[in-house]
C-alpha atoms as a PDB file:
ATOM      1  CA  MET A   1      30.963  22.584  46.094  1.00  0.00           C
ATOM      2  CA  ARG A   2      31.775  18.994  45.049  1.00  0.00           C
ATOM      3  CA  LYS A   3      29.350  16.838  43.317  1.00  0.00           C
ATOM      4  CA  SER A   4      28.741  13.297  44.687  1.00  0.00           C
ATOM      5  CA  PRO A   5      29.518  10.415  42.612  1.00  0.00           C
ATOM      6  CA  LEU A   6      25.836   9.953  41.525  1.00  0.00           C
ATOM      7  CA  VAL A   7      25.510  13.112  40.520  1.00  0.00           C
ATOM      8  CA  LYS A   8      28.863  12.966  38.791  1.00  0.00           C
ATOM      9  CA  ALA A   9      27.533   9.937  37.201  1.00  0.00           C
ATOM     10  CA  PHE A  10      24.014  11.241  36.203  1.00  0.00           C
ATOM     11  CA  LEU A  11      25.142  14.430  34.076  1.00  0.00           C
ATOM     12  CA  LEU A  12      27.319  12.120  32.134  1.00  0.00           C
ATOM     13  CA  PHE A  13      24.637   9.718  30.960  1.00  0.00           C
ATOM     14  CA  VAL A  14      22.165  13.301  30.072  1.00  0.00           C
ATOM     15  CA  PRO A  15      24.132  13.721  26.651  1.00  0.00           C
ATOM     16  CA  PHE A  16      22.942  10.649  26.020  1.00  0.00           C
ATOM     17  CA  ILE A  17      19.625  10.615  26.892  1.00  0.00           C
ATOM     18  CA  LEU A  18      19.199  13.176  24.361  1.00  0.00           C
ATOM     19  CA  SER A  19      20.817  11.901  21.673  1.00  0.00           C
ATOM     20  CA  VAL A  20      18.214   8.963  21.641  1.00  0.00           C
ATOM     21  CA  LYS A  21      14.716  10.059  20.473  1.00  0.00           C
ATOM     22  CA  VAL A  22      12.163   9.541  22.769  1.00  0.00           C
ATOM     23  CA  SER A  23       9.798   7.650  20.310  1.00  0.00           C
ATOM     24  CA  ALA A  24       9.994   7.040  16.700  1.00  0.00           C
ATOM     25  CA  GLU A  25       7.363   8.467  14.034  1.00  0.00           C
ATOM     26  CA  ALA A  26       5.766   4.952  12.354  1.00  0.00           C
ATOM     27  CA  PRO A  27       6.095   4.907   8.628  1.00  0.00           C
ATOM     28  CA  LYS A  28       3.845   6.599   5.964  1.00  0.00           C
ATOM     29  CA  TYR A  29       5.237   3.669   3.624  1.00  0.00           C
ATOM     30  CA  PRO A  30       4.480   1.873   1.453  1.00  0.00           C
ATOM     31  CA  ALA A  31       0.876   3.176   1.622  1.00  0.00           C
ATOM     32  CA  LEU A  32      -1.907   1.811  -0.738  1.00  0.00           C
ATOM     33  CA  ARG A  33      -3.353   4.805  -1.868  1.00  0.00           C
ATOM     34  CA  GLU A  34      -5.628   4.385  -4.771  1.00  0.00           C
ATOM     35  CA  TRP A  35      -7.407   1.236  -6.321  1.00  0.00           C
ATOM     36  CA  GLN A  36     -10.728   0.436  -8.663  1.00  0.00           C
ATOM     37  CA  GLY A  37     -12.343  -2.824  -9.210  1.00  0.00           C
ATOM     38  CA  GLN A  38     -11.652  -6.209  -6.752  1.00  0.00           C
ATOM     39  CA  VAL A  39      -8.228  -6.115  -5.385  1.00  0.00           C
ATOM     40  CA  TRP A  40      -7.341  -8.633  -2.396  1.00  0.00           C
ATOM     41  CA  LEU A  41      -4.619  -7.965  -0.295  1.00  0.00           C
ATOM     42  CA  THR A  42      -2.746 -10.429   2.085  1.00  0.00           C
ATOM     43  CA  GLY A  43      -0.644  -9.168   4.790  1.00  0.00           C
ATOM     44  CA  LYS A  44       1.214 -10.921   7.285  1.00  0.00           C
ATOM     45  CA  ASP A  45      -1.062 -12.633   9.479  1.00  0.00           C
ATOM     46  CA  GLY A  46      -1.547 -14.777   6.156  1.00  0.00           C
ATOM     47  CA  LYS A  47      -5.452 -13.678   5.470  1.00  0.00           C
ATOM     48  CA  ARG A  48      -7.002 -13.044   1.859  1.00  0.00           C
ATOM     49  CA  LEU A  49      -8.946  -9.972   2.033  1.00  0.00           C
ATOM     50  CA  GLN A  50     -10.763  -7.607  -0.470  1.00  0.00           C
ATOM     51  CA  VAL A  51      -9.130  -4.156  -0.001  1.00  0.00           C
ATOM     52  CA  LYS A  52     -11.544  -1.466   1.783  1.00  0.00           C
ATOM     53  CA  SER A  53      -9.699   1.146   2.605  1.00  0.00           C
ATOM     54  CA  LYS A  54      -6.691   2.851   2.598  1.00  0.00           C
ATOM     55  CA  GLN A  55      -3.951   1.402   4.725  1.00  0.00           C
ATOM     56  CA  VAL A  56      -0.075   1.310   5.038  1.00  0.00           C
ATOM     57  CA  LEU A  57       0.961  -2.065   4.388  1.00  0.00           C
ATOM     58  CA  ARG A  58       3.737  -3.379   7.455  1.00  0.00           C
ATOM     59  CA  GLU A  59       5.922  -6.618   6.864  1.00  0.00           C
ATOM     60  CA  LYS A  60       5.082  -7.625   3.547  1.00  0.00           C
ATOM     61  CA  ALA A  61       1.914  -8.113   1.311  1.00  0.00           C
ATOM     62  CA  LEU A  62       0.269  -9.917  -1.757  1.00  0.00           C
ATOM     63  CA  LEU A  63      -2.427  -7.801  -3.879  1.00  0.00           C
ATOM     64  CA  GLU A  64      -4.377  -9.540  -6.259  1.00  0.00           C
ATOM     65  CA  THR A  65      -6.387  -7.876  -8.831  1.00  0.00           C
ATOM     66  CA  SER A  66      -9.282  -8.247 -10.806  1.00  0.00           C
ATOM     67  CA  ALA A  67      -9.480  -8.564 -14.417  1.00  0.00           C
ATOM     68  CA  SER A  68     -11.068  -4.806 -14.436  1.00  0.00           C
ATOM     69  CA  GLY A  69      -9.522  -3.676 -11.048  1.00  0.00           C
ATOM     70  CA  SER A  70      -6.610  -1.598 -10.557  1.00  0.00           C
ATOM     71  CA  VAL A  71      -4.572  -0.719  -7.461  1.00  0.00           C
ATOM     72  CA  LYS A  72      -2.103   2.072  -6.533  1.00  0.00           C
ATOM     73  CA  ILE A  73       1.621   1.709  -3.803  1.00  0.00           C
ATOM     74  CA  GLN A  74       3.028   4.605  -3.053  1.00  0.00           C
ATOM     75  CA  LEU A  75       6.873   3.247  -2.204  1.00  0.00           C
ATOM     76  CA  ASP A  76       7.111   6.613  -1.291  1.00  0.00           C
ATOM     77  CA  GLU A  77       7.390  10.335  -1.468  1.00  0.00           C
ATOM     78  CA  LYS A  78       8.943   9.924  -4.603  1.00  0.00           C
ATOM     79  CA  ARG A  79       7.789   6.089  -6.249  1.00  0.00           C
ATOM     80  CA  SER A  80       4.584   4.149  -6.473  1.00  0.00           C
ATOM     81  CA  PHE A  81       4.069   1.486  -8.968  1.00  0.00           C
ATOM     82  CA  THR A  82       0.226   0.493 -10.052  1.00  0.00           C
ATOM     83  CA  LEU A  83      -1.116  -3.120 -10.541  1.00  0.00           C
ATOM     84  CA  LEU A  84      -3.067  -3.916 -13.066  1.00  0.00           C
ATOM     85  CA  GLY A  85      -5.960  -6.118 -13.932  1.00  0.00           C
ATOM     86  CA  SER A  86      -5.539  -9.972 -13.588  1.00  0.00           C
ATOM     87  CA  GLY A  87      -2.498  -9.362 -11.915  1.00  0.00           C
ATOM     88  CA  GLU A  88       0.197 -10.661  -8.840  1.00  0.00           C
ATOM     89  CA  VAL A  89       3.016  -8.625  -7.146  1.00  0.00           C
ATOM     90  CA  SER A  90       4.220  -9.255  -3.544  1.00  0.00           C
ATOM     91  CA  MET A  91       6.242  -7.332  -1.459  1.00  0.00           C
ATOM     92  CA  PRO A  92       8.178  -9.701   0.546  1.00  0.00           C
ATOM     93  CA  VAL A  93       9.670  -7.706   3.071  1.00  0.00           C
ATOM     94  CA  ILE A  94       8.419  -4.609   4.916  1.00  0.00           C
ATOM     95  CA  SER A  95      10.661  -3.280   6.710  1.00  0.00           C
ATOM     96  CA  TRP A  96       8.747  -2.549  10.349  1.00  0.00           C
ATOM     97  CA  GLU A  97      11.351   0.965  11.236  1.00  0.00           C
ATOM     98  CA  SER A  98      11.772   2.452   7.855  1.00  0.00           C
ATOM     99  CA  GLY A  99       8.861   1.200   6.114  1.00  0.00           C
ATOM    100  CA  GLU A 100      11.041   0.181   2.905  1.00  0.00           C
ATOM    101  CA  ALA A 101      10.392  -2.216   0.122  1.00  0.00           C
ATOM    102  CA  PRO A 102      13.869  -3.691  -1.149  1.00  0.00           C
ATOM    103  CA  VAL A 103      12.127  -6.410  -3.429  1.00  0.00           C
ATOM    104  CA  VAL A 104       9.022  -6.487  -5.449  1.00  0.00           C
ATOM    105  CA  ILE A 105       7.828  -9.195  -7.502  1.00  0.00           C
ATOM    106  CA  LEU A 106       6.062  -9.244 -10.374  1.00  0.00           C
ATOM    107  CA  LYS A 107       4.126 -12.606 -10.615  1.00  0.00           C
ATOM    108  CA  SER A 108       2.054 -11.961 -13.157  1.00  0.00           C
ATOM    109  CA  GLY A 109       0.448  -9.336 -15.197  1.00  0.00           C
ATOM    110  CA  ASP A 110       1.050  -6.023 -15.468  1.00  0.00           C
ATOM    111  CA  ILE A 111       2.521  -3.206 -13.194  1.00  0.00           C
ATOM    112  CA  TYR A 112       2.745   0.978 -13.907  1.00  0.00           C
ATOM    113  CA  TRP A 113       6.576   1.956 -12.486  1.00  0.00           C
ATOM    114  CA  GLU A 114       6.403   6.163 -11.861  1.00  0.00           C
ATOM    115  CA  GLN A 115       8.866   7.878 -11.191  1.00  0.00           C
ATOM    116  CA  ASN A 116      10.538  11.443 -12.349  1.00  0.00           C
ATOM    117  CA  PRO A 117      13.440  10.471 -14.928  1.00  0.00           C
ATOM    118  CA  LYS A 118      15.858  13.145 -13.046  1.00  0.00           C
ATOM    119  CA  GLU A 119      14.567  12.195  -9.073  1.00  0.00           C
ATOM    120  CA  LYS A 120      16.689   8.888  -7.331  1.00  0.00           C
ATOM    121  CA  GLY A 121      14.789   7.125  -4.918  1.00  0.00           C
ATOM    122  CA  PRO A 122      16.275   7.183  -1.176  1.00  0.00           C
ATOM    123  CA  PHE A 123      17.383   3.479  -1.741  1.00  0.00           C
ATOM    124  CA  ASN A 124      16.994   0.715  -4.040  1.00  0.00           C
ATOM    125  CA  VAL A 125      14.257  -2.148  -5.417  1.00  0.00           C
ATOM    126  CA  ALA A 126      14.782  -4.861  -6.996  1.00  0.00           C
ATOM    127  CA  LEU A 127      11.793  -5.570  -9.672  1.00  0.00           C
ATOM    128  CA  ARG A 128      11.874  -9.643 -10.058  1.00  0.00           C
ATOM    129  CA  SER A 129       9.966 -11.722 -11.724  1.00  0.00           C
ATOM    130  CA  ASP A 130      10.678 -15.031 -13.409  1.00  0.00           C
ATOM    131  CA  LEU A 131      12.030 -13.908 -16.069  1.00  0.00           C
ATOM    132  CA  PHE A 132      13.862 -10.446 -15.516  1.00  0.00           C
ATOM    133  CA  GLU A 133      15.481  -9.266 -12.141  1.00  0.00           C
ATOM    134  CA  PHE A 134      16.861  -5.420 -11.924  1.00  0.00           C
ATOM    135  CA  LEU A 135      17.129  -2.304 -10.332  1.00  0.00           C
ATOM    136  CA  ALA A 136      14.548  -0.449 -10.817  1.00  0.00           C
ATOM    137  CA  PRO A 137      15.291   2.473 -12.732  1.00  0.00           C
ATOM    138  CA  PRO A 138      13.457   5.734 -12.839  1.00  0.00           C
ATOM    139  CA  GLY A 139      11.046   6.783 -15.049  1.00  0.00           C
ATOM    140  CA  LYS A 140       7.368   5.572 -16.209  1.00  0.00           C
ATOM    141  CA  TYR A 141       7.273   2.736 -17.852  1.00  0.00           C
ATOM    142  CA  ILE A 142       5.083  -0.799 -17.670  1.00  0.00           C
ATOM    143  CA  LEU A 143       6.004  -3.961 -16.841  1.00  0.00           C
ATOM    144  CA  SER A 144       5.095  -6.912 -18.275  1.00  0.00           C
ATOM    145  CA  ILE A 145       4.760 -10.615 -18.050  1.00  0.00           C
ATOM    146  CA  ASN A 146       2.759 -13.734 -18.303  1.00  0.00           C
ATOM    147  CA  PRO A 147       3.974 -16.586 -16.686  1.00  0.00           C
ATOM    148  CA  GLY A 148       1.371 -19.511 -19.082  1.00  0.00           C
ATOM    149  CA  LYS A 149       3.270 -18.153 -21.894  1.00  0.00           C
ATOM    150  CA  ALA A 150       6.863 -17.602 -20.805  1.00  0.00           C
ATOM    151  CA  PHE A 151       6.476 -13.731 -21.993  1.00  0.00           C
ATOM    152  CA  SER A 152       7.781 -10.714 -20.734  1.00  0.00           C
ATOM    153  CA  SER A 153       8.230  -6.747 -21.641  1.00  0.00           C
ATOM    154  CA  VAL A 154       8.735  -2.983 -20.713  1.00  0.00           C
ATOM    155  CA  LYS A 155       6.868  -0.217 -22.829  1.00  0.00           C
ATOM    156  CA  MET A 156       9.044   2.819 -22.206  1.00  0.00           C
ATOM    157  CA  LEU A 157       6.929   6.017 -21.918  1.00  0.00           C
ATOM    158  CA  ASP A 158       9.434   8.393 -19.854  1.00  0.00           C
ATOM    159  CA  GLY A 159      13.170   7.931 -19.266  1.00  0.00           C
ATOM    160  CA  SER A 160      15.382   5.209 -20.226  1.00  0.00           C
ATOM    161  CA  MET A 161      16.134   1.192 -18.270  1.00  0.00           C
ATOM    162  CA  GLU A 162      18.364  -1.469 -19.550  1.00  0.00           C
ATOM    163  CA  PHE A 163      16.507  -4.638 -19.938  1.00  0.00           C
ATOM    164  CA  SER A 164      17.404  -8.032 -20.116  1.00  0.00           C
ATOM    165  CA  ALA A 165      16.678 -11.803 -18.921  1.00  0.00           C
ATOM    166  CA  LEU A 166      16.760 -13.188 -16.045  1.00  0.00           C
ATOM    167  CA  ASN A 167      20.328 -13.459 -15.234  1.00  0.00           C
ATOM    168  CA  GLY A 168      20.914 -12.969 -19.032  1.00  0.00           C
ATOM    169  CA  GLU A 169      24.517 -11.777 -20.385  1.00  0.00           C
ATOM    170  CA  GLU A 170      22.974 -10.249 -23.566  1.00  0.00           C
ATOM    171  CA  SER A 171      21.320  -6.640 -22.362  1.00  0.00           C
ATOM    172  CA  VAL A 172      19.435  -3.693 -24.794  1.00  0.00           C
ATOM    173  CA  VAL A 173      18.925   0.061 -23.370  1.00  0.00           C
ATOM    174  CA  VAL A 174      15.153   1.203 -24.128  1.00  0.00           C
ATOM    175  CA  LYS A 175      14.149   4.833 -24.295  1.00  0.00           C
ATOM    176  CA  SER A 176      11.171   7.273 -23.635  1.00  0.00           C
ATOM    177  CA  GLY A 177       8.716   5.740 -26.772  1.00  0.00           C
ATOM    178  CA  GLN A 178      10.366   1.992 -27.127  1.00  0.00           C
ATOM    179  CA  GLN A 179       9.621  -1.136 -25.799  1.00  0.00           C
ATOM    180  CA  VAL A 180      11.570  -5.093 -25.787  1.00  0.00           C
ATOM    181  CA  ALA A 181      10.190  -8.500 -24.611  1.00  0.00           C
ATOM    182  CA  PHE A 182      11.805 -11.682 -24.115  1.00  0.00           C
ATOM    183  CA  GLN A 183       9.780 -14.897 -25.723  1.00  0.00           C
ATOM    184  CA  GLY A 184      10.831 -17.637 -23.023  1.00  0.00           C
ATOM    185  CA  VAL A 185      10.704 -21.372 -23.608  1.00  0.00           C
ATOM    186  CA  LEU A 186       7.699 -23.826 -22.095  1.00  0.00           C
ATOM    187  CA  GLU A 187       8.717 -27.007 -20.563  1.00  0.00           C
ATOM    188  CA  GLY A 188       6.452 -29.007 -19.527  1.00  0.00           C
ATOM    189  CA  GLY A 189       3.799 -26.094 -19.140  1.00  0.00           C
ATOM    190  CA  GLU A 190       7.070 -24.626 -16.763  1.00  0.00           C
ATOM    191  CA  ILE A 191       9.518 -21.698 -17.773  1.00  0.00           C
ATOM    192  CA  ALA A 192      12.334 -23.514 -18.854  1.00  0.00           C
ATOM    193  CA  TYR A 193      15.681 -22.586 -17.155  1.00  0.00           C
ATOM    194  CA  ASP A 194      19.534 -23.670 -18.152  1.00  0.00           C
ATOM    195  CA  VAL A 195      20.757 -24.130 -14.979  1.00  0.00           C
ATOM    196  CA  LEU A 196      24.352 -22.585 -14.112  1.00  0.00           C
ATOM    197  CA  LEU A 197      26.979 -23.178 -11.667  1.00  0.00           C
ATOM    198  CA  LYS A 198      25.415 -22.548  -7.906  1.00  0.00           C
ATOM    199  CA  GLY A 199      21.829 -22.896  -9.300  1.00  0.00           C
ATOM    200  CA  LYS A 200      22.419 -20.010 -10.893  1.00  0.00           C
ATOM    201  CA  LYS A 201      19.257 -20.167 -13.991  1.00  0.00           C
ATOM    202  CA  ILE A 202      18.828 -17.950 -17.110  1.00  0.00           C
ATOM    203  CA  PRO A 203      15.328 -18.718 -18.243  1.00  0.00           C
ATOM    204  CA  LYS A 204      15.457 -19.932 -21.987  1.00  0.00           C
ATOM    205  CA  GLY A 205      14.821 -17.644 -24.565  1.00  0.00           C
ATOM    206  CA  HIS A 206      14.950 -14.561 -26.751  1.00  0.00           C
ATOM    207  CA  LEU A 207      15.070 -10.653 -26.756  1.00  0.00           C
ATOM    208  CA  THR A 208      13.665  -9.130 -29.344  1.00  0.00           C
ATOM    209  CA  ALA A 209      14.232  -6.589 -31.635  1.00  0.00           C
ATOM    210  CA  VAL A 210      13.612  -3.281 -29.705  1.00  0.00           C
ATOM    211  CA  THR A 211      10.302  -1.565 -31.530  1.00  0.00           C
ATOM    212  CA  ALA A 212       7.982   2.162 -31.209  1.00  0.00           C
ATOM    213  CA  VAL A 213       5.427   1.323 -28.675  1.00  0.00           C
ATOM    214  CA  ASP A 214       2.494   1.617 -30.075  1.00  0.00           C
ATOM    215  CA  ALA A 215       1.560   4.808 -30.016  1.00  0.00           C
ATOM    216  CA  LYS A 216      -2.646   3.722 -28.644  1.00  0.00           C
ATOM    217  CA  ASP A 217      -0.973   2.438 -25.880  1.00  0.00           C
ATOM    218  CA  MET A 218       1.209   5.943 -25.469  1.00  0.00           C
ATOM    219  CA  SER A 219      -2.271   7.643 -25.438  1.00  0.00           C
ATOM    220  CA  ARG A 220      -4.076   4.673 -22.837  1.00  0.00           C
ATOM    221  CA  ALA A 221      -1.481   5.317 -20.511  1.00  0.00           C
ATOM    222  CA  ALA A 222      -1.719   9.180 -19.980  1.00  0.00           C
ATOM    223  CA  ASP A 223      -5.692   9.316 -20.714  1.00  0.00           C
ATOM    224  CA  ALA A 224      -5.568   6.683 -17.460  1.00  0.00           C
ATOM    225  CA  GLU A 225      -3.103   9.148 -15.968  1.00  0.00           C
ATOM    226  CA  LYS A 226      -5.560  11.888 -16.703  1.00  0.00           C
ATOM    227  CA  ARG A 227      -8.636  10.170 -15.472  1.00  0.00           C
ATOM    228  CA  ARG A 228      -6.649   8.924 -12.089  1.00  0.00           C
ATOM    229  CA  LEU A 229      -6.127  12.679 -11.350  1.00  0.00           C
ATOM    230  CA  LYS A 230      -9.415  14.253 -12.259  1.00  0.00           C
ATOM    231  CA  ASP A 231     -11.258  11.335 -10.083  1.00  0.00           C
ATOM    232  CA  LEU A 232      -8.731  12.368  -7.333  1.00  0.00           C
ATOM    233  CA  ALA A 233      -9.945  15.712  -7.296  1.00  0.00           C
ATOM    234  CA  ARG A 234     -12.970  15.156  -7.231  1.00  0.00           C
ATOM    235  CA  GLN A 235     -12.847  12.843  -4.033  1.00  0.00           C
ATOM    236  CA  GLN A 236     -10.466  15.409  -2.292  1.00  0.00           C
ATOM    237  CA  GLU A 237     -13.746  18.578  -2.804  1.00  0.00           C
ATOM    238  CA  LYS A 238     -15.813  15.644  -2.272  1.00  0.00           C
ATOM    239  CA  SER A 239     -14.273  15.183   1.140  1.00  0.00           C
ATOM    240  CA  LYS A 240     -13.825  18.756   1.541  1.00  0.00           C
ATOM    241  CA  ALA A 241     -17.885  19.492   1.143  1.00  0.00           C
ATOM    242  CA  ALA A 242     -18.746  16.979   3.765  1.00  0.00           C
ATOM    243  CA  LEU A 243     -15.799  17.951   6.405  1.00  0.00           C
ATOM    244  CA  ALA A 244     -17.082  21.411   5.908  1.00  0.00           C
ATOM    245  CA  GLN A 245     -20.728  20.571   6.008  1.00  0.00           C
ATOM    246  CA  LEU A 246     -20.022  18.683   9.519  1.00  0.00           C
ATOM    247  CA  LYS A 247     -17.992  22.091  10.444  1.00  0.00           C
ATOM    248  CA  ARG A 248     -21.247  24.171  10.120  1.00  0.00           C
ATOM    249  CA  ASP A 249     -23.776  21.697  11.839  1.00  0.00           C
ATOM    250  CA  GLY A 250     -21.402  22.395  14.832  1.00  0.00           C
ATOM    251  CA  VAL A 251     -19.645  18.508  14.713  1.00  0.00           C
ATOM    252  CA  ILE A 252     -15.958  19.075  16.193  1.00  0.00           C
ATOM    253  CA  CYS A 253     -15.907  14.534  16.749  1.00  0.00           C
ATOM    254  CA  THR A 254     -15.291  12.333  14.328  1.00  0.00           C
ATOM    255  CA  ASN A 255     -15.444   8.572  13.683  1.00  0.00           C
ATOM    256  CA  PRO A 256     -18.776   8.790  14.362  1.00  0.00           C
ATOM    257  CA  PRO A 257     -19.468  12.280  13.867  1.00  0.00           C
ATOM    258  CA  GLY A 258     -20.959  14.398  17.123  1.00  0.00           C
ATOM    259  CA  LYS A 259     -21.057  17.825  18.583  1.00  0.00           C
ATOM    260  CA  PHE A 260     -19.115  18.705  21.782  1.00  0.00           C
ATOM    261  CA  ASN A 261     -20.701  16.729  25.133  1.00  0.00           C
ATOM    262  CA  GLU A 262     -22.396  14.338  22.754  1.00  0.00           C
ATOM    263  CA  CYS A 263     -21.676  10.686  23.433  1.00  0.00           C
ATOM    264  CA  SER A 264     -21.451   7.469  21.308  1.00  0.00           C
ATOM    265  CA  TRP A 265     -22.139   4.294  21.524  1.00  0.00           C
ATOM    266  CA  VAL A 266     -19.448   1.682  19.734  1.00  0.00           C
ATOM    267  CA  CYS A 267     -20.008  -1.917  19.434  1.00  0.00           C
ATOM    268  CA  THR A 268     -16.698  -3.739  18.857  1.00  0.00           C
ATOM    269  CA  ASN A 269     -15.941  -6.961  18.575  1.00  0.00           C
ATOM    270  CA  ASN A 270     -18.960  -7.893  17.340  1.00  0.00           C
ATOM    271  CA  PRO A 271     -19.825 -11.262  14.954  1.00  0.00           C
ATOM    272  CA  LYS A 272     -19.650 -10.517  11.850  1.00  0.00           C
ATOM    273  CA  LYS A 273     -22.614 -11.872  11.115  1.00  0.00           C
ATOM    274  CA  GLU A 274     -24.569  -9.562  12.996  1.00  0.00           C
ATOM    275  CA  LYS A 275     -25.709  -6.267  11.350  1.00  0.00           C
ATOM    276  CA  LYS A 276     -28.453  -4.801  14.043  1.00  0.00           C
ATOM    277  CA  ALA A 277     -28.097  -5.872  17.513  1.00  0.00           C
ATOM    278  CA  CYS A 278     -23.918  -5.562  19.380  1.00  0.00           C
ATOM    279  CA  LEU A 279     -24.145  -9.228  20.513  1.00  0.00           C
ATOM    280  CA  VAL A 280     -22.359  -8.706  24.553  1.00  0.00           C
ATOM    281  CA  SER A 281     -23.170 -12.385  25.007  1.00  0.00           C
ATOM    282  CA  ALA A 282     -20.857 -13.113  22.156  1.00  0.00           C
ATOM    283  CA  GLY A 283     -18.445 -11.733  22.578  1.00  0.00           C
ATOM    284  CA  ALA A 284     -18.699  -7.793  21.671  1.00  0.00           C
ATOM    285  CA  THR A 285     -18.054  -4.999  24.007  1.00  0.00           C
ATOM    286  CA  CYS A 286     -20.236  -1.928  24.396  1.00  0.00           C
ATOM    287  CA  GLU A 287     -17.785   1.345  24.755  1.00  0.00           C
ATOM    288  CA  ARG A 288     -19.750   4.599  25.435  1.00  0.00           C
ATOM    289  CA  GLN A 289     -17.812   8.099  24.989  1.00  0.00           C
ATOM    290  CA  ARG A 290     -18.316  11.426  25.470  1.00  0.00           C
ATOM    291  CA  CYS A 291     -16.887  14.364  22.516  1.00  0.00           C
ATOM    292  CA  ASN A 292     -15.072  16.786  24.234  1.00  0.00           C
ATOM    293  CA  ALA A 293     -13.812  20.505  23.943  1.00  0.00           C
ATOM    294  CA  ASN A 294     -10.966  19.307  21.487  1.00  0.00           C
ATOM    295  CA  GLY A 295     -12.953  17.533  19.285  1.00  0.00           C
ATOM    296  CA  ASP A 296     -11.634  13.802  20.784  1.00  0.00           C
ATOM    297  CA  TRP A 297     -13.654  10.922  22.147  1.00  0.00           C
ATOM    298  CA  ALA A 298     -12.581  10.665  25.743  1.00  0.00           C
ATOM    299  CA  GLU A 299     -13.674   9.222  28.662  1.00  0.00           C
ATOM    300  CA  LYS A 300     -13.922   5.755  27.236  1.00  0.00           C
ATOM    301  CA  THR A 301     -16.402   3.521  29.362  1.00  0.00           C
ATOM    302  CA  LEU A 302     -17.821  -0.381  28.778  1.00  0.00           C
ATOM    303  CA  LEU A 303     -20.977  -0.805  29.193  1.00  0.00           C
ATOM    304  CA  ASP A 304     -22.780  -4.523  30.849  1.00  0.00           C
ATOM    305  CA  ALA A 305     -24.601  -6.262  28.576  1.00  0.00           C
ATOM    306  CA  GLU A 306     -27.966  -5.048  30.472  1.00  0.00           C
ATOM    307  CA  LYS A 307     -26.541  -1.335  29.791  1.00  0.00           C
ATOM    308  CA  ALA A 308     -25.176  -1.789  26.350  1.00  0.00           C
ATOM    309  CA  SER A 309     -28.946  -3.838  25.127  1.00  0.00           C
ATOM    310  CA  SER A 310     -30.200  -0.887  25.355  1.00  0.00           C
ATOM    311  CA  ILE A 311     -28.450   1.400  23.667  1.00  0.00           C
ATOM    312  CA  CYS A 312     -25.726  -0.144  21.520  1.00  0.00           C
ATOM    313  CA  LYS A 313     -25.623  -1.388  18.115  1.00  0.00           C
ATOM    314  CA  ALA A 314     -23.979  -2.829  15.569  1.00  0.00           C
ATOM    315  CA  GLN A 315     -23.303   0.805  13.822  1.00  0.00           C
ATOM    316  CA  PRO A 316     -22.448   3.552  16.161  1.00  0.00           C
ATOM    317  CA  VAL A 317     -24.578   5.170  17.953  1.00  0.00           C
ATOM    318  CA  VAL A 318     -24.300   9.157  18.711  1.00  0.00           C
ATOM    319  CA  ALA A 319     -27.299  11.009  20.573  1.00  0.00           C
ATOM    320  CA  PRO A 320     -27.087  13.383  24.041  1.00  0.00           C
ATOM    321  CA  CYS A 321     -25.873  11.328  27.082  1.00  0.00           C
ATOM    322  CA  ASP A 322     -27.254   9.791  29.342  1.00  0.00           C
ATOM    323  CA  TYR A 323     -25.427  10.568  32.146  1.00  0.00           C
END
């Protein structure tokens, strides 16, 4: 039986169709996983907000910490860094498709880099500041910069790295248990540079001698990691216990928790200052949904102002359905 030209064209096109992914998974990294104290995030929209939830960072991010704050960013499955107190770090470019963040700029303070010295990351990451720039080597180390004193340093806790000033010709190898610093020069309150051809800048100053990391610093880093892991385990156990209790109570839907065939009334777009009522008259909406057998909130319905005023509150309400 002879195939028509249309059928032939379709058969030729089938392999191409099968080779194309129907939908790509959203990137899981870089992920803001843990924090303590006050932490602020400025994202792609330019709004500076205090961190209150775990999230995946998109497009770009600027993170700042209070004196007692810290925040951990998981770059991928193998690498992470923690911005310590009174610090500021920027990720100016985050790939929308892959989540790769190839540049990390330490503006001030300290970051604690963690990566198994025997494992290589899936992409290169450039660590930058006003005083240094290099590809992040595997290992565990603390990088610091104090722009006000034109001072930067690295404390190598595990692994080794080659450290130098930005565009500097002189470098030193720093191994586990060692540290080194670069002392720059301030002119007019700003870091001073020698400017070469094509605008290439080299900070004025000198590398210090390589010395042993203070045992107290090594101990503090190890203790901090132990506390972090202990706190994380405690939080996970608490979440598991809460989830188990909900299941025992017959709760199958989450956010907000609800039982099969119960309804939820959720207020959206409510004015931020309103803590009790759902002000539909001010642009808020009241959404009613039913908890189905799959544990999903379904059958979304927008209620009019009259119905919303009688049952919808600023916080989610879960109760027997009104129909």
